[in-house]
Amino acid sequence: MPRTSVLASIVAVLALAAAVISLVQGWWLGLIWLPMAGIASNVLWMNVRREKLAKAAAEQTAGA
């Protein structure tokens, strides 16, 4: 897994934890963490998808 995927997953988990903690304490400003978690998860899935497509292309060229 690429380094950016690992970092994106860490950011997503920490942002979700920050949002939950903020909302439990009654701070509605904690909702700002949710878009950050969404962006981080999108980065993670795009990196995973890119890696999967690259692996499939490499297998296809090796088999041809």
C-alpha atoms as a PDB file:
ATOM      1  CA  MET A   1       0.000   0.000   0.000  1.00  0.00           C
ATOM      2  CA  PRO A   2       1.432   3.408  -0.943  1.00  0.00           C
ATOM      3  CA  ARG A   3       2.457   5.805   1.774  1.00  0.00           C
ATOM      4  CA  THR A   4      -0.272   8.274   0.830  1.00  0.00           C
ATOM      5  CA  SER A   5      -2.892   5.566   1.362  1.00  0.00           C
ATOM      6  CA  VAL A   6      -1.568   4.821   4.818  1.00  0.00           C
ATOM      7  CA  LEU A   7      -1.490   8.509   5.722  1.00  0.00           C
ATOM      8  CA  ALA A   8      -4.977   9.054   4.287  1.00  0.00           C
ATOM      9  CA  SER A   9      -6.379   6.201   6.361  1.00  0.00           C
ATOM     10  CA  ILE A  10      -4.742   7.599   9.499  1.00  0.00           C
ATOM     11  CA  VAL A  11      -6.165  11.064   8.790  1.00  0.00           C
ATOM     12  CA  ALA A  12      -9.632   9.616   8.140  1.00  0.00           C
ATOM     13  CA  VAL A  13      -9.639   7.681  11.413  1.00  0.00           C
ATOM     14  CA  LEU A  14      -8.333  10.629  13.422  1.00  0.00           C
ATOM     15  CA  ALA A  15     -10.810  13.043  11.830  1.00  0.00           C
ATOM     16  CA  LEU A  16     -13.717  10.731  12.615  1.00  0.00           C
ATOM     17  CA  ALA A  17     -12.500  10.334  16.182  1.00  0.00           C
ATOM     18  CA  ALA A  18     -12.192  14.116  16.542  1.00  0.00           C
ATOM     19  CA  ALA A  19     -15.712  14.601  15.184  1.00  0.00           C
ATOM     20  CA  VAL A  20     -17.183  12.035  17.565  1.00  0.00           C
ATOM     21  CA  ILE A  21     -15.349  13.456  20.579  1.00  0.00           C
ATOM     22  CA  SER A  22     -16.388  17.009  19.684  1.00  0.00           C
ATOM     23  CA  LEU A  23     -20.030  16.062  19.239  1.00  0.00           C
ATOM     24  CA  VAL A  24     -20.102  14.034  22.458  1.00  0.00           C
ATOM     25  CA  GLN A  25     -18.790  17.063  24.326  1.00  0.00           C
ATOM     26  CA  GLY A  26     -21.505  19.188  22.752  1.00  0.00           C
ATOM     27  CA  TRP A  27     -19.382  21.200  20.325  1.00  0.00           C
ATOM     28  CA  TRP A  28     -21.243  21.456  17.029  1.00  0.00           C
ATOM     29  CA  LEU A  29     -18.099  22.909  15.506  1.00  0.00           C
ATOM     30  CA  GLY A  30     -16.824  19.317  15.463  1.00  0.00           C
ATOM     31  CA  LEU A  31     -18.857  18.739  12.325  1.00  0.00           C
ATOM     32  CA  ILE A  32     -16.039  20.436  10.429  1.00  0.00           C
ATOM     33  CA  TRP A  33     -14.007  17.226  10.858  1.00  0.00           C
ATOM     34  CA  LEU A  34     -16.469  15.174   8.803  1.00  0.00           C
ATOM     35  CA  PRO A  35     -15.586  16.670   5.390  1.00  0.00           C
ATOM     36  CA  MET A  36     -11.912  16.166   6.182  1.00  0.00           C
ATOM     37  CA  ALA A  37     -12.600  12.492   6.895  1.00  0.00           C
ATOM     38  CA  GLY A  38     -14.536  12.240   3.629  1.00  0.00           C
ATOM     39  CA  ILE A  39     -11.736  13.769   1.579  1.00  0.00           C
ATOM     40  CA  ALA A  40      -9.160  11.511   3.235  1.00  0.00           C
ATOM     41  CA  SER A  41     -11.243   8.424   2.533  1.00  0.00           C
ATOM     42  CA  ASN A  42     -11.625   9.474  -1.113  1.00  0.00           C
ATOM     43  CA  VAL A  43      -7.852   9.843  -1.397  1.00  0.00           C
ATOM     44  CA  LEU A  44      -7.456   6.393   0.134  1.00  0.00           C
ATOM     45  CA  TRP A  45      -9.905   4.726  -2.267  1.00  0.00           C
ATOM     46  CA  MET A  46      -8.451   6.475  -5.316  1.00  0.00           C
ATOM     47  CA  ASN A  47      -4.956   5.279  -4.383  1.00  0.00           C
ATOM     48  CA  VAL A  48      -6.198   1.726  -3.850  1.00  0.00           C
ATOM     49  CA  ARG A  49      -8.032   1.829  -7.185  1.00  0.00           C
ATOM     50  CA  ARG A  50      -4.974   3.238  -8.985  1.00  0.00           C
ATOM     51  CA  GLU A  51      -2.787   0.493  -7.526  1.00  0.00           C
ATOM     52  CA  LYS A  52      -5.305  -2.187  -8.537  1.00  0.00           C
ATOM     53  CA  LEU A  53      -5.500  -0.859 -12.112  1.00  0.00           C
ATOM     54  CA  ALA A  54      -1.711  -0.661 -12.370  1.00  0.00           C
ATOM     55  CA  LYS A  55      -1.399  -4.256 -11.180  1.00  0.00           C
ATOM     56  CA  ALA A  56      -4.005  -5.406 -13.718  1.00  0.00           C
ATOM     57  CA  ALA A  57      -2.216  -3.548 -16.526  1.00  0.00           C
ATOM     58  CA  ALA A  58       1.113  -5.085 -15.525  1.00  0.00           C
ATOM     59  CA  GLU A  59      -0.402  -8.571 -15.539  1.00  0.00           C
ATOM     60  CA  GLN A  60      -2.006  -7.936 -18.907  1.00  0.00           C
ATOM     61  CA  THR A  61       1.248  -6.787 -20.502  1.00  0.00           C
ATOM     62  CA  ALA A  62       3.159  -9.688 -18.936  1.00  0.00           C
ATOM     63  CA  GLY A  63       0.622 -12.164 -20.282  1.00  0.00           C
ATOM     64  CA  ALA A  64       0.634 -10.725 -23.806  1.00  0.00           C
END
